[in-house]
mmCIF file of all heavy atoms, coordinates in Angstrom:
data_MODEL
# 
_entry.id   MODEL 
# 
loop_
_atom_site.group_PDB 
_atom_site.id 
_atom_site.type_symbol 
_atom_site.label_atom_id 
_atom_site.label_alt_id 
_atom_site.label_comp_id 
_atom_site.label_asym_id 
_atom_site.label_entity_id 
_atom_site.label_seq_id 
_atom_site.pdbx_PDB_ins_code 
_atom_site.Cartn_x 
_atom_site.Cartn_y 
_atom_site.Cartn_z 
_atom_site.occupancy 
_atom_site.B_iso_or_equiv 
_atom_site.pdbx_formal_charge 
_atom_site.auth_seq_id 
_atom_site.auth_comp_id 
_atom_site.auth_asym_id 
_atom_site.auth_atom_id 
_atom_site.pdbx_PDB_model_num 
ATOM 1   N N   . PHE A 1 1  ? 122.479 181.288 -39.447 1.00 0.00 ? 1  PHE A N   1 
ATOM 2   C CA  . PHE A 1 1  ? 123.585 180.591 -40.034 1.00 0.00 ? 1  PHE A CA  1 
ATOM 3   C C   . PHE A 1 1  ? 124.747 181.536 -40.210 1.00 0.00 ? 1  PHE A C   1 
ATOM 4   O O   . PHE A 1 1  ? 124.725 182.524 -40.977 1.00 0.00 ? 1  PHE A O   1 
ATOM 5   C CB  . PHE A 1 1  ? 123.208 180.035 -41.480 1.00 0.00 ? 1  PHE A CB  1 
ATOM 6   C CG  . PHE A 1 1  ? 122.348 178.808 -41.388 1.00 0.00 ? 1  PHE A CG  1 
ATOM 7   C CD1 . PHE A 1 1  ? 120.975 178.963 -41.281 1.00 0.00 ? 1  PHE A CD1 1 
ATOM 8   C CD2 . PHE A 1 1  ? 122.818 177.638 -41.385 1.00 0.00 ? 1  PHE A CD2 1 
ATOM 9   C CE1 . PHE A 1 1  ? 120.113 177.893 -41.225 1.00 0.00 ? 1  PHE A CE1 1 
ATOM 10  C CE2 . PHE A 1 1  ? 122.031 176.413 -41.387 1.00 0.00 ? 1  PHE A CE2 1 
ATOM 11  C CZ  . PHE A 1 1  ? 120.686 176.627 -41.311 1.00 0.00 ? 1  PHE A CZ  1 
ATOM 12  N N   . PRO A 1 2  ? 125.853 181.305 -39.476 1.00 0.00 ? 2  PRO A N   1 
ATOM 13  C CA  . PRO A 1 2  ? 127.035 182.292 -39.526 1.00 0.00 ? 2  PRO A CA  1 
ATOM 14  C C   . PRO A 1 2  ? 127.690 182.193 -40.874 1.00 0.00 ? 2  PRO A C   1 
ATOM 15  O O   . PRO A 1 2  ? 127.793 181.108 -41.438 1.00 0.00 ? 2  PRO A O   1 
ATOM 16  C CB  . PRO A 1 2  ? 127.895 181.779 -38.378 1.00 0.00 ? 2  PRO A CB  1 
ATOM 17  C CG  . PRO A 1 2  ? 127.582 180.291 -38.267 1.00 0.00 ? 2  PRO A CG  1 
ATOM 18  C CD  . PRO A 1 2  ? 126.159 180.188 -38.601 1.00 0.00 ? 2  PRO A CD  1 
ATOM 19  N N   . VAL A 1 3  ? 128.143 183.355 -41.388 1.00 0.00 ? 3  VAL A N   1 
ATOM 20  C CA  . VAL A 1 3  ? 128.933 183.365 -42.600 1.00 0.00 ? 3  VAL A CA  1 
ATOM 21  C C   . VAL A 1 3  ? 130.361 183.407 -42.348 1.00 0.00 ? 3  VAL A C   1 
ATOM 22  O O   . VAL A 1 3  ? 131.168 182.980 -43.136 1.00 0.00 ? 3  VAL A O   1 
ATOM 23  C CB  . VAL A 1 3  ? 128.367 184.660 -43.392 1.00 0.00 ? 3  VAL A CB  1 
ATOM 24  C CG1 . VAL A 1 3  ? 129.271 184.803 -44.692 1.00 0.00 ? 3  VAL A CG1 1 
ATOM 25  C CG2 . VAL A 1 3  ? 126.949 184.549 -43.803 1.00 0.00 ? 3  VAL A CG2 1 
ATOM 26  N N   . ALA A 1 4  ? 130.700 184.083 -41.257 1.00 0.00 ? 4  ALA A N   1 
ATOM 27  C CA  . ALA A 1 4  ? 132.209 184.224 -40.951 1.00 0.00 ? 4  ALA A CA  1 
ATOM 28  C C   . ALA A 1 4  ? 132.827 183.083 -40.212 1.00 0.00 ? 4  ALA A C   1 
ATOM 29  O O   . ALA A 1 4  ? 134.047 183.103 -39.928 1.00 0.00 ? 4  ALA A O   1 
ATOM 30  C CB  . ALA A 1 4  ? 132.394 185.591 -40.207 1.00 0.00 ? 4  ALA A CB  1 
ATOM 31  N N   . GLU A 1 5  ? 132.010 182.091 -39.804 1.00 0.00 ? 5  GLU A N   1 
ATOM 32  C CA  . GLU A 1 5  ? 132.548 181.043 -38.968 1.00 0.00 ? 5  GLU A CA  1 
ATOM 33  C C   . GLU A 1 5  ? 132.286 179.701 -39.561 1.00 0.00 ? 5  GLU A C   1 
ATOM 34  O O   . GLU A 1 5  ? 131.318 179.511 -40.396 1.00 0.00 ? 5  GLU A O   1 
ATOM 35  C CB  . GLU A 1 5  ? 131.963 181.054 -37.571 1.00 0.00 ? 5  GLU A CB  1 
ATOM 36  C CG  . GLU A 1 5  ? 132.155 182.351 -36.837 1.00 0.00 ? 5  GLU A CG  1 
ATOM 37  C CD  . GLU A 1 5  ? 131.337 182.271 -35.514 1.00 0.00 ? 5  GLU A CD  1 
ATOM 38  O OE1 . GLU A 1 5  ? 131.838 181.567 -34.578 1.00 0.00 ? 5  GLU A OE1 1 
ATOM 39  O OE2 . GLU A 1 5  ? 130.304 182.883 -35.392 1.00 0.00 ? 5  GLU A OE2 1 
ATOM 40  N N   . ILE A 1 6  ? 133.093 178.722 -39.264 1.00 0.00 ? 6  ILE A N   1 
ATOM 41  C CA  . ILE A 1 6  ? 132.835 177.337 -39.720 1.00 0.00 ? 6  ILE A CA  1 
ATOM 42  C C   . ILE A 1 6  ? 132.084 176.612 -38.584 1.00 0.00 ? 6  ILE A C   1 
ATOM 43  O O   . ILE A 1 6  ? 132.732 176.345 -37.482 1.00 0.00 ? 6  ILE A O   1 
ATOM 44  C CB  . ILE A 1 6  ? 134.077 176.634 -40.063 1.00 0.00 ? 6  ILE A CB  1 
ATOM 45  C CG1 . ILE A 1 6  ? 134.874 177.302 -41.173 1.00 0.00 ? 6  ILE A CG1 1 
ATOM 46  C CG2 . ILE A 1 6  ? 133.771 175.103 -40.436 1.00 0.00 ? 6  ILE A CG2 1 
ATOM 47  C CD1 . ILE A 1 6  ? 136.141 176.721 -41.556 1.00 0.00 ? 6  ILE A CD1 1 
ATOM 48  N N   . LYS A 1 7  ? 130.796 176.368 -38.653 1.00 0.00 ? 7  LYS A N   1 
ATOM 49  C CA  . LYS A 1 7  ? 130.052 175.696 -37.588 1.00 0.00 ? 7  LYS A CA  1 
ATOM 50  C C   . LYS A 1 7  ? 129.166 174.654 -38.242 1.00 0.00 ? 7  LYS A C   1 
ATOM 51  O O   . LYS A 1 7  ? 128.626 174.824 -39.343 1.00 0.00 ? 7  LYS A O   1 
ATOM 52  C CB  . LYS A 1 7  ? 129.234 176.621 -36.812 1.00 0.00 ? 7  LYS A CB  1 
ATOM 53  C CG  . LYS A 1 7  ? 129.959 177.530 -35.853 1.00 0.00 ? 7  LYS A CG  1 
ATOM 54  C CD  . LYS A 1 7  ? 129.044 178.325 -34.944 1.00 0.00 ? 7  LYS A CD  1 
ATOM 55  C CE  . LYS A 1 7  ? 129.837 179.090 -33.918 1.00 0.00 ? 7  LYS A CE  1 
ATOM 56  N NZ  . LYS A 1 7  ? 128.887 179.864 -33.015 1.00 0.00 ? 7  LYS A NZ  1 
ATOM 57  N N   . SER A 1 8  ? 129.056 173.522 -37.510 1.00 0.00 ? 8  SER A N   1 
ATOM 58  C CA  . SER A 1 8  ? 128.189 172.489 -37.989 1.00 0.00 ? 8  SER A CA  1 
ATOM 59  C C   . SER A 1 8  ? 126.672 172.788 -37.653 1.00 0.00 ? 8  SER A C   1 
ATOM 60  O O   . SER A 1 8  ? 126.461 173.615 -36.858 1.00 0.00 ? 8  SER A O   1 
ATOM 61  C CB  . SER A 1 8  ? 128.565 171.169 -37.453 1.00 0.00 ? 8  SER A CB  1 
ATOM 62  O OG  . SER A 1 8  ? 128.220 171.137 -36.069 1.00 0.00 ? 8  SER A OG  1 
ATOM 63  N N   . TYR A 1 9  ? 125.741 172.207 -38.383 1.00 0.00 ? 9  TYR A N   1 
ATOM 64  C CA  . TYR A 1 9  ? 124.371 172.333 -38.082 1.00 0.00 ? 9  TYR A CA  1 
ATOM 65  C C   . TYR A 1 9  ? 124.145 172.014 -36.637 1.00 0.00 ? 9  TYR A C   1 
ATOM 66  O O   . TYR A 1 9  ? 123.384 172.666 -35.967 1.00 0.00 ? 9  TYR A O   1 
ATOM 67  C CB  . TYR A 1 9  ? 123.526 171.477 -39.023 1.00 0.00 ? 9  TYR A CB  1 
ATOM 68  C CG  . TYR A 1 9  ? 122.091 171.407 -38.680 1.00 0.00 ? 9  TYR A CG  1 
ATOM 69  C CD1 . TYR A 1 9  ? 121.256 172.372 -39.274 1.00 0.00 ? 9  TYR A CD1 1 
ATOM 70  C CD2 . TYR A 1 9  ? 121.494 170.478 -37.842 1.00 0.00 ? 9  TYR A CD2 1 
ATOM 71  C CE1 . TYR A 1 9  ? 119.843 172.365 -38.942 1.00 0.00 ? 9  TYR A CE1 1 
ATOM 72  C CE2 . TYR A 1 9  ? 120.243 170.442 -37.599 1.00 0.00 ? 9  TYR A CE2 1 
ATOM 73  C CZ  . TYR A 1 9  ? 119.371 171.344 -38.084 1.00 0.00 ? 9  TYR A CZ  1 
ATOM 74  O OH  . TYR A 1 9  ? 118.068 171.330 -37.823 1.00 0.00 ? 9  TYR A OH  1 
ATOM 75  N N   . GLN A 1 10 ? 124.691 170.848 -36.128 1.00 0.00 ? 10 GLN A N   1 
ATOM 76  C CA  . GLN A 1 10 ? 124.450 170.455 -34.751 1.00 0.00 ? 10 GLN A CA  1 
ATOM 77  C C   . GLN A 1 10 ? 124.939 171.467 -33.786 1.00 0.00 ? 10 GLN A C   1 
ATOM 78  O O   . GLN A 1 10 ? 124.240 171.792 -32.746 1.00 0.00 ? 10 GLN A O   1 
ATOM 79  C CB  . GLN A 1 10 ? 125.125 169.129 -34.485 1.00 0.00 ? 10 GLN A CB  1 
ATOM 80  C CG  . GLN A 1 10 ? 124.643 168.456 -33.181 1.00 0.00 ? 10 GLN A CG  1 
ATOM 81  C CD  . GLN A 1 10 ? 123.194 168.130 -33.137 1.00 0.00 ? 10 GLN A CD  1 
ATOM 82  O OE1 . GLN A 1 10 ? 122.594 167.626 -34.023 1.00 0.00 ? 10 GLN A OE1 1 
ATOM 83  N NE2 . GLN A 1 10 ? 122.567 168.638 -32.060 1.00 0.00 ? 10 GLN A NE2 1 
ATOM 84  N N   . GLU A 1 11 ? 126.002 172.155 -34.062 1.00 0.00 ? 11 GLU A N   1 
ATOM 85  C CA  . GLU A 1 11 ? 126.494 173.193 -33.102 1.00 0.00 ? 11 GLU A CA  1 
ATOM 86  C C   . GLU A 1 11 ? 125.544 174.331 -33.071 1.00 0.00 ? 11 GLU A C   1 
ATOM 87  O O   . GLU A 1 11 ? 125.264 174.963 -32.057 1.00 0.00 ? 11 GLU A O   1 
ATOM 88  C CB  . GLU A 1 11 ? 127.890 173.647 -33.629 1.00 0.00 ? 11 GLU A CB  1 
ATOM 89  C CG  . GLU A 1 11 ? 128.964 172.697 -33.353 1.00 0.00 ? 11 GLU A CG  1 
ATOM 90  C CD  . GLU A 1 11 ? 130.266 173.140 -33.919 1.00 0.00 ? 11 GLU A CD  1 
ATOM 91  O OE1 . GLU A 1 11 ? 130.282 173.697 -35.029 1.00 0.00 ? 11 GLU A OE1 1 
ATOM 92  O OE2 . GLU A 1 11 ? 131.385 172.964 -33.261 1.00 0.00 ? 11 GLU A OE2 1 
ATOM 93  N N   . LEU A 1 12 ? 124.973 174.780 -34.276 1.00 0.00 ? 12 LEU A N   1 
ATOM 94  C CA  . LEU A 1 12 ? 123.995 175.821 -34.353 1.00 0.00 ? 12 LEU A CA  1 
ATOM 95  C C   . LEU A 1 12 ? 122.761 175.457 -33.540 1.00 0.00 ? 12 LEU A C   1 
ATOM 96  O O   . LEU A 1 12 ? 122.190 176.372 -32.817 1.00 0.00 ? 12 LEU A O   1 
ATOM 97  C CB  . LEU A 1 12 ? 123.657 176.138 -35.802 1.00 0.00 ? 12 LEU A CB  1 
ATOM 98  C CG  . LEU A 1 12 ? 124.828 176.614 -36.621 1.00 0.00 ? 12 LEU A CG  1 
ATOM 99  C CD1 . LEU A 1 12 ? 124.283 176.781 -38.112 1.00 0.00 ? 12 LEU A CD1 1 
ATOM 100 C CD2 . LEU A 1 12 ? 125.337 177.983 -36.150 1.00 0.00 ? 12 LEU A CD2 1 
ATOM 101 N N   . VAL A 1 13 ? 122.242 174.303 -33.717 1.00 0.00 ? 13 VAL A N   1 
ATOM 102 C CA  . VAL A 1 13 ? 121.016 173.825 -33.058 1.00 0.00 ? 13 VAL A CA  1 
ATOM 103 C C   . VAL A 1 13 ? 121.278 173.848 -31.447 1.00 0.00 ? 13 VAL A C   1 
ATOM 104 O O   . VAL A 1 13 ? 120.437 174.345 -30.724 1.00 0.00 ? 13 VAL A O   1 
ATOM 105 C CB  . VAL A 1 13 ? 120.643 172.446 -33.525 1.00 0.00 ? 13 VAL A CB  1 
ATOM 106 C CG1 . VAL A 1 13 ? 119.613 171.922 -32.515 1.00 0.00 ? 13 VAL A CG1 1 
ATOM 107 C CG2 . VAL A 1 13 ? 120.015 172.570 -34.884 1.00 0.00 ? 13 VAL A CG2 1 
ATOM 108 N N   . ASP A 1 14 ? 122.433 173.288 -31.025 1.00 0.00 ? 14 ASP A N   1 
ATOM 109 C CA  . ASP A 1 14 ? 122.719 173.249 -29.633 1.00 0.00 ? 14 ASP A CA  1 
ATOM 110 C C   . ASP A 1 14 ? 122.862 174.642 -29.040 1.00 0.00 ? 14 ASP A C   1 
ATOM 111 O O   . ASP A 1 14 ? 122.302 174.904 -27.882 1.00 0.00 ? 14 ASP A O   1 
ATOM 112 C CB  . ASP A 1 14 ? 123.960 172.524 -29.397 1.00 0.00 ? 14 ASP A CB  1 
ATOM 113 C CG  . ASP A 1 14 ? 123.876 171.018 -29.735 1.00 0.00 ? 14 ASP A CG  1 
ATOM 114 O OD1 . ASP A 1 14 ? 122.776 170.524 -29.820 1.00 0.00 ? 14 ASP A OD1 1 
ATOM 115 O OD2 . ASP A 1 14 ? 124.957 170.398 -29.851 1.00 0.00 ? 14 ASP A OD2 1 
ATOM 116 N N   . GLU A 1 15 ? 123.494 175.661 -29.742 1.00 0.00 ? 15 GLU A N   1 
ATOM 117 C CA  . GLU A 1 15 ? 123.610 176.948 -29.279 1.00 0.00 ? 15 GLU A CA  1 
ATOM 118 C C   . GLU A 1 15 ? 122.305 177.674 -29.135 1.00 0.00 ? 15 GLU A C   1 
ATOM 119 O O   . GLU A 1 15 ? 122.097 178.507 -28.285 1.00 0.00 ? 15 GLU A O   1 
ATOM 120 C CB  . GLU A 1 15 ? 124.540 177.705 -30.217 1.00 0.00 ? 15 GLU A CB  1 
ATOM 121 C CG  . GLU A 1 15 ? 125.996 177.326 -30.067 1.00 0.00 ? 15 GLU A CG  1 
ATOM 122 C CD  . GLU A 1 15 ? 126.958 178.050 -31.045 1.00 0.00 ? 15 GLU A CD  1 
ATOM 123 O OE1 . GLU A 1 15 ? 126.383 178.958 -31.728 1.00 0.00 ? 15 GLU A OE1 1 
ATOM 124 O OE2 . GLU A 1 15 ? 128.139 177.757 -31.104 1.00 0.00 ? 15 GLU A OE2 1 
ATOM 125 N N   . ALA A 1 16 ? 121.350 177.334 -30.056 1.00 0.00 ? 16 ALA A N   1 
ATOM 126 C CA  . ALA A 1 16 ? 120.053 178.012 -30.089 1.00 0.00 ? 16 ALA A CA  1 
ATOM 127 C C   . ALA A 1 16 ? 119.039 177.337 -29.125 1.00 0.00 ? 16 ALA A C   1 
ATOM 128 O O   . ALA A 1 16 ? 117.885 177.786 -29.008 1.00 0.00 ? 16 ALA A O   1 
ATOM 129 C CB  . ALA A 1 16 ? 119.501 178.126 -31.462 1.00 0.00 ? 16 ALA A CB  1 
ATOM 130 N N   . HIS A 1 17 ? 119.506 176.178 -28.516 1.00 0.00 ? 17 HIS A N   1 
ATOM 131 C CA  . HIS A 1 17 ? 118.653 175.405 -27.705 1.00 0.00 ? 17 HIS A CA  1 
ATOM 132 C C   . HIS A 1 17 ? 117.315 175.000 -28.408 1.00 0.00 ? 17 HIS A C   1 
ATOM 133 O O   . HIS A 1 17 ? 116.221 175.101 -27.801 1.00 0.00 ? 17 HIS A O   1 
ATOM 134 C CB  . HIS A 1 17 ? 118.248 176.181 -26.383 1.00 0.00 ? 17 HIS A CB  1 
ATOM 135 C CG  . HIS A 1 17 ? 119.486 176.761 -25.674 1.00 0.00 ? 17 HIS A CG  1 
ATOM 136 N ND1 . HIS A 1 17 ? 120.381 175.859 -24.978 1.00 0.00 ? 17 HIS A ND1 1 
ATOM 137 C CD2 . HIS A 1 17 ? 120.047 177.975 -25.534 1.00 0.00 ? 17 HIS A CD2 1 
ATOM 138 C CE1 . HIS A 1 17 ? 121.333 176.613 -24.406 1.00 0.00 ? 17 HIS A CE1 1 
ATOM 139 N NE2 . HIS A 1 17 ? 121.126 177.854 -24.776 1.00 0.00 ? 17 HIS A NE2 1 
ATOM 140 N N   . LEU A 1 18 ? 117.438 174.490 -29.553 1.00 0.00 ? 18 LEU A N   1 
ATOM 141 C CA  . LEU A 1 18 ? 116.347 174.043 -30.360 1.00 0.00 ? 18 LEU A CA  1 
ATOM 142 C C   . LEU A 1 18 ? 116.271 172.468 -30.372 1.00 0.00 ? 18 LEU A C   1 
ATOM 143 O O   . LEU A 1 18 ? 117.234 171.828 -30.255 1.00 0.00 ? 18 LEU A O   1 
ATOM 144 C CB  . LEU A 1 18 ? 116.440 174.484 -31.826 1.00 0.00 ? 18 LEU A CB  1 
ATOM 145 C CG  . LEU A 1 18 ? 116.449 176.018 -32.017 1.00 0.00 ? 18 LEU A CG  1 
ATOM 146 C CD1 . LEU A 1 18 ? 116.778 176.332 -33.447 1.00 0.00 ? 18 LEU A CD1 1 
ATOM 147 C CD2 . LEU A 1 18 ? 115.102 176.637 -31.642 1.00 0.00 ? 18 LEU A CD2 1 
ATOM 148 N N   . VAL A 1 19 ? 115.046 172.025 -30.537 1.00 0.00 ? 19 VAL A N   1 
ATOM 149 C CA  . VAL A 1 19 ? 114.838 170.518 -30.644 1.00 0.00 ? 19 VAL A CA  1 
ATOM 150 C C   . VAL A 1 19 ? 114.850 170.224 -32.143 1.00 0.00 ? 19 VAL A C   1 
ATOM 151 O O   . VAL A 1 19 ? 114.010 170.682 -32.856 1.00 0.00 ? 19 VAL A O   1 
ATOM 152 C CB  . VAL A 1 19 ? 113.496 170.142 -29.991 1.00 0.00 ? 19 VAL A CB  1 
ATOM 153 C CG1 . VAL A 1 19 ? 113.240 168.691 -30.237 1.00 0.00 ? 19 VAL A CG1 1 
ATOM 154 C CG2 . VAL A 1 19 ? 113.445 170.575 -28.489 1.00 0.00 ? 19 VAL A CG2 1 
ATOM 155 N N   . SER A 1 20 ? 115.843 169.411 -32.492 1.00 0.00 ? 20 SER A N   1 
ATOM 156 C CA  . SER A 1 20 ? 116.024 169.126 -33.893 1.00 0.00 ? 20 SER A CA  1 
ATOM 157 C C   . SER A 1 20 ? 116.040 167.634 -34.150 1.00 0.00 ? 20 SER A C   1 
ATOM 158 O O   . SER A 1 20 ? 116.539 166.914 -33.343 1.00 0.00 ? 20 SER A O   1 
ATOM 159 C CB  . SER A 1 20 ? 117.257 169.794 -34.342 1.00 0.00 ? 20 SER A CB  1 
ATOM 160 O OG  . SER A 1 20 ? 117.501 169.427 -35.746 1.00 0.00 ? 20 SER A OG  1 
ATOM 161 N N   . LYS A 1 21 ? 115.640 167.239 -35.320 1.00 0.00 ? 21 LYS A N   1 
ATOM 162 C CA  . LYS A 1 21 ? 115.687 165.826 -35.803 1.00 0.00 ? 21 LYS A CA  1 
ATOM 163 C C   . LYS A 1 21 ? 116.276 165.824 -37.219 1.00 0.00 ? 21 LYS A C   1 
ATOM 164 O O   . LYS A 1 21 ? 115.883 166.621 -38.023 1.00 0.00 ? 21 LYS A O   1 
ATOM 165 C CB  . LYS A 1 21 ? 114.282 165.229 -35.795 1.00 0.00 ? 21 LYS A CB  1 
ATOM 166 C CG  . LYS A 1 21 ? 114.283 163.785 -36.348 1.00 0.00 ? 21 LYS A CG  1 
ATOM 167 C CD  . LYS A 1 21 ? 112.833 163.327 -36.457 1.00 0.00 ? 21 LYS A CD  1 
ATOM 168 C CE  . LYS A 1 21 ? 112.755 161.939 -37.130 1.00 0.00 ? 21 LYS A CE  1 
ATOM 169 N NZ  . LYS A 1 21 ? 111.343 161.541 -37.372 1.00 0.00 ? 21 LYS A NZ  1 
ATOM 170 N N   . THR A 1 22 ? 117.187 164.841 -37.433 1.00 0.00 ? 22 THR A N   1 
ATOM 171 C CA  . THR A 1 22 ? 117.768 164.696 -38.826 1.00 0.00 ? 22 THR A CA  1 
ATOM 172 C C   . THR A 1 22 ? 117.383 163.383 -39.335 1.00 0.00 ? 22 THR A C   1 
ATOM 173 O O   . THR A 1 22 ? 117.506 162.315 -38.745 1.00 0.00 ? 22 THR A O   1 
ATOM 174 C CB  . THR A 1 22 ? 119.282 164.786 -38.731 1.00 0.00 ? 22 THR A CB  1 
ATOM 175 O OG1 . THR A 1 22 ? 119.700 166.078 -38.240 1.00 0.00 ? 22 THR A OG1 1 
ATOM 176 C CG2 . THR A 1 22 ? 119.886 164.496 -40.136 1.00 0.00 ? 22 THR A CG2 1 
ATOM 177 N N   . THR A 1 23 ? 116.826 163.432 -40.588 1.00 0.00 ? 23 THR A N   1 
ATOM 178 C CA  . THR A 1 23 ? 116.512 162.174 -41.283 1.00 0.00 ? 23 THR A CA  1 
ATOM 179 C C   . THR A 1 23 ? 117.370 162.080 -42.499 1.00 0.00 ? 23 THR A C   1 
ATOM 180 O O   . THR A 1 23 ? 117.421 163.013 -43.367 1.00 0.00 ? 23 THR A O   1 
ATOM 181 C CB  . THR A 1 23 ? 114.991 162.230 -41.726 1.00 0.00 ? 23 THR A CB  1 
ATOM 182 O OG1 . THR A 1 23 ? 114.201 162.361 -40.609 1.00 0.00 ? 23 THR A OG1 1 
ATOM 183 C CG2 . THR A 1 23 ? 114.645 160.988 -42.540 1.00 0.00 ? 23 THR A CG2 1 
ATOM 184 N N   . VAL A 1 24 ? 118.082 160.961 -42.607 1.00 0.00 ? 24 VAL A N   1 
ATOM 185 C CA  . VAL A 1 24 ? 119.019 160.734 -43.784 1.00 0.00 ? 24 VAL A CA  1 
ATOM 186 C C   . VAL A 1 24 ? 118.114 160.316 -45.002 1.00 0.00 ? 24 VAL A C   1 
ATOM 187 O O   . VAL A 1 24 ? 117.550 159.203 -44.861 1.00 0.00 ? 24 VAL A O   1 
ATOM 188 C CB  . VAL A 1 24 ? 120.132 159.802 -43.542 1.00 0.00 ? 24 VAL A CB  1 
ATOM 189 C CG1 . VAL A 1 24 ? 120.919 159.570 -44.744 1.00 0.00 ? 24 VAL A CG1 1 
ATOM 190 C CG2 . VAL A 1 24 ? 120.997 160.377 -42.364 1.00 0.00 ? 24 VAL A CG2 1 
ATOM 191 N N   . LEU A 1 25 ? 117.916 161.106 -46.015 1.00 0.00 ? 25 LEU A N   1 
ATOM 192 C CA  . LEU A 1 25 ? 117.090 160.683 -47.171 1.00 0.00 ? 25 LEU A CA  1 
ATOM 193 C C   . LEU A 1 25 ? 117.863 159.819 -48.094 1.00 0.00 ? 25 LEU A C   1 
ATOM 194 O O   . LEU A 1 25 ? 117.211 158.879 -48.668 1.00 0.00 ? 25 LEU A O   1 
ATOM 195 C CB  . LEU A 1 25 ? 116.646 162.030 -47.903 1.00 0.00 ? 25 LEU A CB  1 
ATOM 196 C CG  . LEU A 1 25 ? 115.797 162.966 -47.102 1.00 0.00 ? 25 LEU A CG  1 
ATOM 197 C CD1 . LEU A 1 25 ? 115.407 164.145 -47.827 1.00 0.00 ? 25 LEU A CD1 1 
ATOM 198 C CD2 . LEU A 1 25 ? 114.552 162.290 -46.430 1.00 0.00 ? 25 LEU A CD2 1 
ATOM 199 N N   . SER A 1 26 ? 119.186 160.013 -48.311 1.00 0.00 ? 26 SER A N   1 
ATOM 200 C CA  . SER A 1 26 ? 119.903 159.128 -49.168 1.00 0.00 ? 26 SER A CA  1 
ATOM 201 C C   . SER A 1 26 ? 121.426 159.342 -49.041 1.00 0.00 ? 26 SER A C   1 
ATOM 202 O O   . SER A 1 26 ? 121.872 160.489 -48.673 1.00 0.00 ? 26 SER A O   1 
ATOM 203 C CB  . SER A 1 26 ? 119.536 159.362 -50.670 1.00 0.00 ? 26 SER A CB  1 
ATOM 204 O OG  . SER A 1 26 ? 119.904 160.696 -51.051 1.00 0.00 ? 26 SER A OG  1 
ATOM 205 N N   . ILE A 1 27 ? 122.202 158.326 -49.178 1.00 0.00 ? 27 ILE A N   1 
ATOM 206 C CA  . ILE A 1 27 ? 123.648 158.341 -49.338 1.00 0.00 ? 27 ILE A CA  1 
ATOM 207 C C   . ILE A 1 27 ? 123.961 157.575 -50.584 1.00 0.00 ? 27 ILE A C   1 
ATOM 208 O O   . ILE A 1 27 ? 123.677 156.390 -50.653 1.00 0.00 ? 27 ILE A O   1 
ATOM 209 C CB  . ILE A 1 27 ? 124.351 157.740 -48.176 1.00 0.00 ? 27 ILE A CB  1 
ATOM 210 C CG1 . ILE A 1 27 ? 123.943 158.487 -46.835 1.00 0.00 ? 27 ILE A CG1 1 
ATOM 211 C CG2 . ILE A 1 27 ? 125.865 157.745 -48.334 1.00 0.00 ? 27 ILE A CG2 1 
ATOM 212 C CD1 . ILE A 1 27 ? 124.586 157.862 -45.615 1.00 0.00 ? 27 ILE A CD1 1 
ATOM 213 N N   . SER A 1 28 ? 124.605 158.255 -51.532 1.00 0.00 ? 28 SER A N   1 
ATOM 214 C CA  . SER A 1 28 ? 124.931 157.613 -52.889 1.00 0.00 ? 28 SER A CA  1 
ATOM 215 C C   . SER A 1 28 ? 126.214 158.128 -53.472 1.00 0.00 ? 28 SER A C   1 
ATOM 216 O O   . SER A 1 28 ? 126.656 159.189 -53.037 1.00 0.00 ? 28 SER A O   1 
ATOM 217 C CB  . SER A 1 28 ? 123.692 157.712 -53.749 1.00 0.00 ? 28 SER A CB  1 
ATOM 218 O OG  . SER A 1 28 ? 123.501 159.109 -54.127 1.00 0.00 ? 28 SER A OG  1 
# 
């Protein structure tokens, strides 16, 4: 997780070539 840059989680996952899944637990 970069400290000096503004990057989204999806950008980090794409750059690392990882298989990722996001589950929305709640929006309130």
